[in-house]
Protein backbone atom coordinates (compact mmCIF):
# COMPACT_ATOMS: atom_id res chain seq x y z
CA MET A 1 125.86 140.24 -183.01
CA ALA A 2 122.24 139.43 -182.33
CA THR A 3 121.50 137.81 -179.00
CA LYS A 4 119.85 134.42 -178.99
CA PRO A 5 116.24 134.49 -177.82
CA VAL A 6 115.62 133.05 -174.37
CA PRO A 7 113.81 129.71 -174.77
CA PRO A 8 110.34 129.62 -173.23
CA ARG A 9 110.12 128.23 -169.72
CA PRO A 10 108.87 124.62 -169.69
CA ALA A 11 105.41 123.95 -168.33
CA PRO A 12 105.34 123.30 -164.58
CA ARG A 13 105.20 119.68 -163.46
CA LEU A 14 103.27 118.14 -160.58
CA TYR A 15 104.77 117.19 -157.23
CA LEU A 16 102.34 114.91 -155.39
CA ALA A 17 102.38 114.62 -151.59
CA THR A 18 100.88 111.48 -150.06
CA PRO A 19 98.74 111.32 -146.95
CA PRO A 20 100.67 110.11 -143.88
CA VAL A 21 101.54 106.49 -144.66
CA ASP A 22 102.00 103.51 -142.39
CA GLU A 23 100.29 100.80 -144.45
CA PRO A 24 101.68 101.03 -147.98
CA ALA A 25 100.00 98.20 -149.91
CA ARG A 26 96.82 100.01 -150.94
CA LEU A 27 98.60 103.29 -151.63
CA ALA A 28 101.23 101.55 -153.78
CA ALA A 29 98.53 100.24 -156.09
CA GLU A 30 96.88 103.66 -156.30
CA LEU A 31 100.13 105.53 -156.91
CA ALA A 32 100.91 103.60 -160.08
CA ASP A 33 97.66 104.88 -161.62
CA LEU A 34 98.15 108.38 -160.29
CA VAL A 35 101.65 108.86 -161.62
CA ALA A 36 100.41 107.71 -165.04
CA ALA A 37 97.40 110.05 -164.97
CA ALA A 38 99.32 113.30 -165.22
CA ASP A 39 102.82 114.73 -165.57
CA VAL A 40 104.03 113.85 -162.07
CA ALA A 41 107.71 114.64 -161.63
CA ALA A 42 108.01 113.50 -158.03
CA VAL A 43 106.10 112.04 -155.10
CA LEU A 44 106.68 113.27 -151.55
CA VAL A 45 106.03 110.41 -149.14
CA ARG A 46 104.84 111.50 -145.73
CA LEU A 47 105.57 108.79 -143.18
CA ARG A 48 103.85 108.20 -139.89
CA GLU A 49 106.47 108.30 -137.16
CA THR A 50 107.61 104.81 -136.19
CA ASP A 51 110.88 102.91 -135.99
CA PRO A 52 113.40 103.32 -138.83
CA ARG A 53 113.10 99.71 -140.01
CA SER A 54 109.33 100.04 -140.48
CA MET A 55 109.67 103.35 -142.30
CA ILE A 56 112.31 101.91 -144.62
CA SER A 57 110.03 98.95 -145.39
CA THR A 58 107.20 101.36 -146.21
CA ILE A 59 109.36 103.33 -148.64
CA LYS A 60 110.62 100.15 -150.31
CA ALA A 61 107.03 98.99 -150.80
CA LEU A 62 106.05 102.27 -152.47
CA ALA A 63 109.19 102.79 -154.53
CA PRO A 64 108.43 100.60 -157.59
CA ALA A 65 105.07 102.26 -158.28
CA ILE A 66 106.75 105.68 -158.26
CA GLN A 67 110.23 105.14 -159.66
CA ASN A 68 109.28 102.65 -162.39
CA ALA A 69 107.01 105.37 -163.80
CA GLY A 70 109.90 107.79 -164.01
CA ALA A 71 109.01 109.93 -160.99
CA ALA A 72 111.36 110.70 -158.13
CA LEU A 73 110.55 109.49 -154.61
CA LEU A 74 111.32 111.96 -151.85
CA ILE A 75 110.78 111.42 -148.13
CA ASP A 76 109.32 114.21 -146.00
CA GLY A 77 112.14 114.54 -143.48
CA HIS A 78 114.14 111.52 -142.29
CA PRO A 79 117.24 112.13 -144.43
CA ASP A 80 119.03 109.42 -142.44
CA ILE A 81 116.95 106.66 -144.07
CA VAL A 82 116.92 107.97 -147.65
CA ALA A 83 119.87 105.90 -148.88
CA ARG A 84 118.89 102.72 -147.06
CA ALA A 85 115.32 102.95 -148.35
CA GLY A 86 116.38 103.54 -151.96
CA ALA A 87 114.64 106.91 -152.10
CA ASP A 88 115.79 109.69 -154.43
CA GLY A 89 116.02 112.39 -151.80
CA ALA A 90 114.41 114.20 -148.90
CA HIS A 91 112.38 117.33 -148.32
CA LEU A 92 113.66 119.31 -145.33
CA THR A 93 111.99 122.09 -143.37
CA GLY A 94 114.20 125.05 -142.59
CA LEU A 95 117.80 125.98 -143.31
CA ALA A 96 119.22 124.24 -140.26
CA ALA A 97 117.60 120.92 -141.16
CA MET A 98 118.83 121.20 -144.73
CA GLU A 99 122.40 121.99 -143.73
CA GLU A 100 122.42 119.09 -141.26
CA ALA A 101 121.13 116.69 -143.91
CA MET A 102 123.43 117.72 -146.72
CA PRO A 103 126.32 115.35 -145.89
CA SER A 104 124.03 112.31 -146.01
CA LEU A 105 122.27 113.37 -149.22
CA LYS A 106 124.89 114.94 -151.43
CA PRO A 107 126.06 114.47 -154.09
CA ASP A 108 123.82 111.60 -155.16
CA ARG A 109 120.40 112.54 -153.81
CA ILE A 110 117.93 115.42 -153.90
CA ALA A 111 117.77 117.92 -151.04
CA GLY A 112 114.69 120.11 -151.24
CA VAL A 113 113.78 122.70 -148.63
CA GLY A 114 110.73 124.55 -147.38
CA GLY A 115 109.91 126.49 -144.24
CA LEU A 116 111.64 129.55 -145.71
CA ALA A 117 109.97 132.52 -144.09
CA THR A 118 112.05 135.28 -145.66
CA ARG A 119 113.68 136.07 -148.97
CA HIS A 120 117.03 135.97 -147.23
CA ASP A 121 116.40 132.41 -146.03
CA SER A 122 115.38 131.41 -149.56
CA MET A 123 118.57 132.84 -151.05
CA ALA A 124 120.67 131.18 -148.34
CA ALA A 125 119.06 127.84 -149.14
CA GLY A 126 119.85 128.24 -152.81
CA GLU A 127 123.45 129.20 -152.07
CA ALA A 128 123.79 126.18 -149.74
CA GLY A 129 122.90 123.82 -152.57
CA ALA A 130 119.17 123.19 -152.27
CA ASP A 131 117.83 121.37 -155.33
CA TYR A 132 114.55 123.25 -155.02
CA VAL A 133 112.85 125.74 -152.71
CA LEU A 134 109.21 125.35 -151.67
CA PHE A 135 106.95 128.32 -150.97
CA GLY A 136 103.52 128.32 -149.39
CA GLU A 137 103.38 125.31 -147.09
CA PRO A 138 101.64 125.71 -143.71
CA ASP A 139 103.76 126.29 -140.63
CA THR A 140 103.52 124.23 -137.45
CA ASN A 141 100.37 126.17 -136.48
CA GLY A 142 98.73 125.54 -139.85
CA GLN A 143 99.19 129.14 -140.98
CA ARG A 144 100.42 130.05 -144.44
CA PRO A 145 100.82 133.22 -146.53
CA SER A 146 98.04 134.38 -148.82
CA ALA A 147 97.93 132.93 -152.32
CA GLU A 148 98.88 136.34 -153.66
CA ALA A 149 101.96 136.50 -151.45
CA ILE A 150 103.01 132.99 -152.48
CA ALA A 151 102.60 133.84 -156.17
CA GLU A 152 104.64 137.00 -155.69
CA ARG A 153 107.45 135.02 -154.02
CA LEU A 154 107.45 132.45 -156.85
CA GLN A 155 107.63 135.17 -159.48
CA TRP A 156 110.51 136.87 -157.66
CA TRP A 157 112.45 133.62 -157.42
CA ASP A 158 111.76 132.58 -161.02
CA GLU A 159 113.05 135.88 -162.38
CA LEU A 160 116.31 135.92 -160.39
CA PHE A 161 117.51 132.46 -159.41
CA GLU A 162 118.51 129.21 -161.05
CA PRO A 163 117.31 126.42 -158.68
CA PRO A 164 113.69 125.34 -159.30
CA CYS A 165 110.88 126.75 -157.18
CA VAL A 166 107.82 124.85 -156.01
CA GLY A 167 104.43 126.31 -155.10
CA PHE A 168 102.38 124.55 -152.43
CA ALA A 169 98.79 124.65 -153.73
CA THR A 170 95.67 123.84 -151.73
CA SER A 171 93.17 124.26 -154.57
CA ARG A 172 92.89 124.29 -158.35
CA GLU A 173 92.81 128.07 -158.31
CA GLU A 174 96.08 128.27 -156.40
CA ALA A 175 97.69 125.69 -158.68
CA GLU A 176 96.79 127.78 -161.72
CA ALA A 177 98.00 131.00 -160.10
CA PHE A 178 101.32 129.47 -159.10
CA ALA A 179 101.87 127.98 -162.55
CA ALA A 180 101.26 131.40 -164.10
CA ALA A 181 103.56 133.08 -161.56
CA GLY A 182 106.59 131.01 -162.54
CA ALA A 183 106.59 127.85 -160.42
CA ASP A 184 108.68 125.05 -161.90
CA PHE A 185 106.64 122.52 -159.92
CA VAL A 186 103.27 122.66 -158.18
CA LEU A 187 102.95 120.57 -155.02
CA VAL A 188 99.47 119.17 -154.40
CA GLY A 189 98.31 116.87 -151.65
CA ASP A 190 95.34 116.78 -149.32
CA PHE A 191 92.78 118.30 -151.66
CA ILE A 192 93.65 115.71 -154.31
CA TRP A 193 93.14 112.77 -151.97
CA SER A 194 89.88 114.14 -150.54
CA ASP A 195 88.26 114.88 -153.93
CA PRO A 196 84.95 112.98 -154.08
CA ARG A 197 85.56 112.16 -157.76
CA GLY A 198 88.73 110.28 -156.85
CA ALA A 199 92.38 111.28 -156.70
CA LYS A 200 93.11 110.21 -160.28
CA THR A 201 90.46 112.48 -161.78
CA ALA A 202 91.47 115.37 -159.55
CA LEU A 203 95.16 115.04 -160.36
CA ALA A 204 94.59 114.81 -164.11
CA GLU A 205 92.42 117.94 -163.94
CA ILE A 206 95.06 119.88 -162.02
CA GLY A 207 97.74 118.78 -164.48
CA ALA A 208 95.69 120.09 -167.38
CA ALA A 209 94.89 123.31 -165.51
CA ILE A 210 98.50 124.22 -164.78
CA ALA A 211 99.53 123.44 -168.36
CA GLN A 212 96.78 125.77 -169.60
CA ALA A 213 97.76 128.50 -167.15
CA HIS A 214 101.39 128.24 -168.26
CA ALA A 215 100.39 128.38 -171.93
CA GLY A 216 98.40 131.52 -171.20
CA THR A 217 101.44 133.27 -169.76
CA LEU A 218 103.51 132.33 -172.81
CA GLY A 219 100.85 133.70 -175.12
CA GLN A 220 100.67 136.93 -173.15
CA ALA A 221 104.45 137.32 -173.16
CA LYS A 222 104.54 136.76 -176.93
CA ALA A 223 101.81 139.34 -177.48
CA GLU A 224 103.61 141.88 -175.30
CA GLY A 225 106.93 141.17 -177.03
């Protein structure tokens, strides 16, 4: 009996990280345009540290612009306020933080994890129920692996494991490389917001670039097959 061909991997989607937020009104208006400008699957809201009530109010102010457009809203840390704020999940840093947060997030909300220094940690996160693993974010000292090392880790994960993988990109070139390597999502943040042409133009351009990079890998695979 002939085996069914493996369907092609879908094009990577964007995962947009906000600047640190404490005043949400202006950002809420901008996010509605941004999420419509490209294929944004999720928005990671980075909160300035303050009291829980203020942070919950900030999330609630941002939520309609994100969720009404069909994107998920995740909070960077703070799993304890996810449910009360009406967010879709949290991004945690490190295995210990993820394991501690699981009871408050599962089964209804997303638990993503980064800060995974080794392949073993990545596999442990997947086995513990992470909804995605993130590779390439800076550590507490601002250091991160080379783009080549991040792409290699994404390719390794994509070939062997089921949970989605996310590549943390700091430029268009990295976004394209990570899309070609097998990332299911490409996380973009600071370089989008600082683009002199405006965040909307920058995000749309990155969305088109990763779609093109993905299409190139499909064409190459077809030619080699």
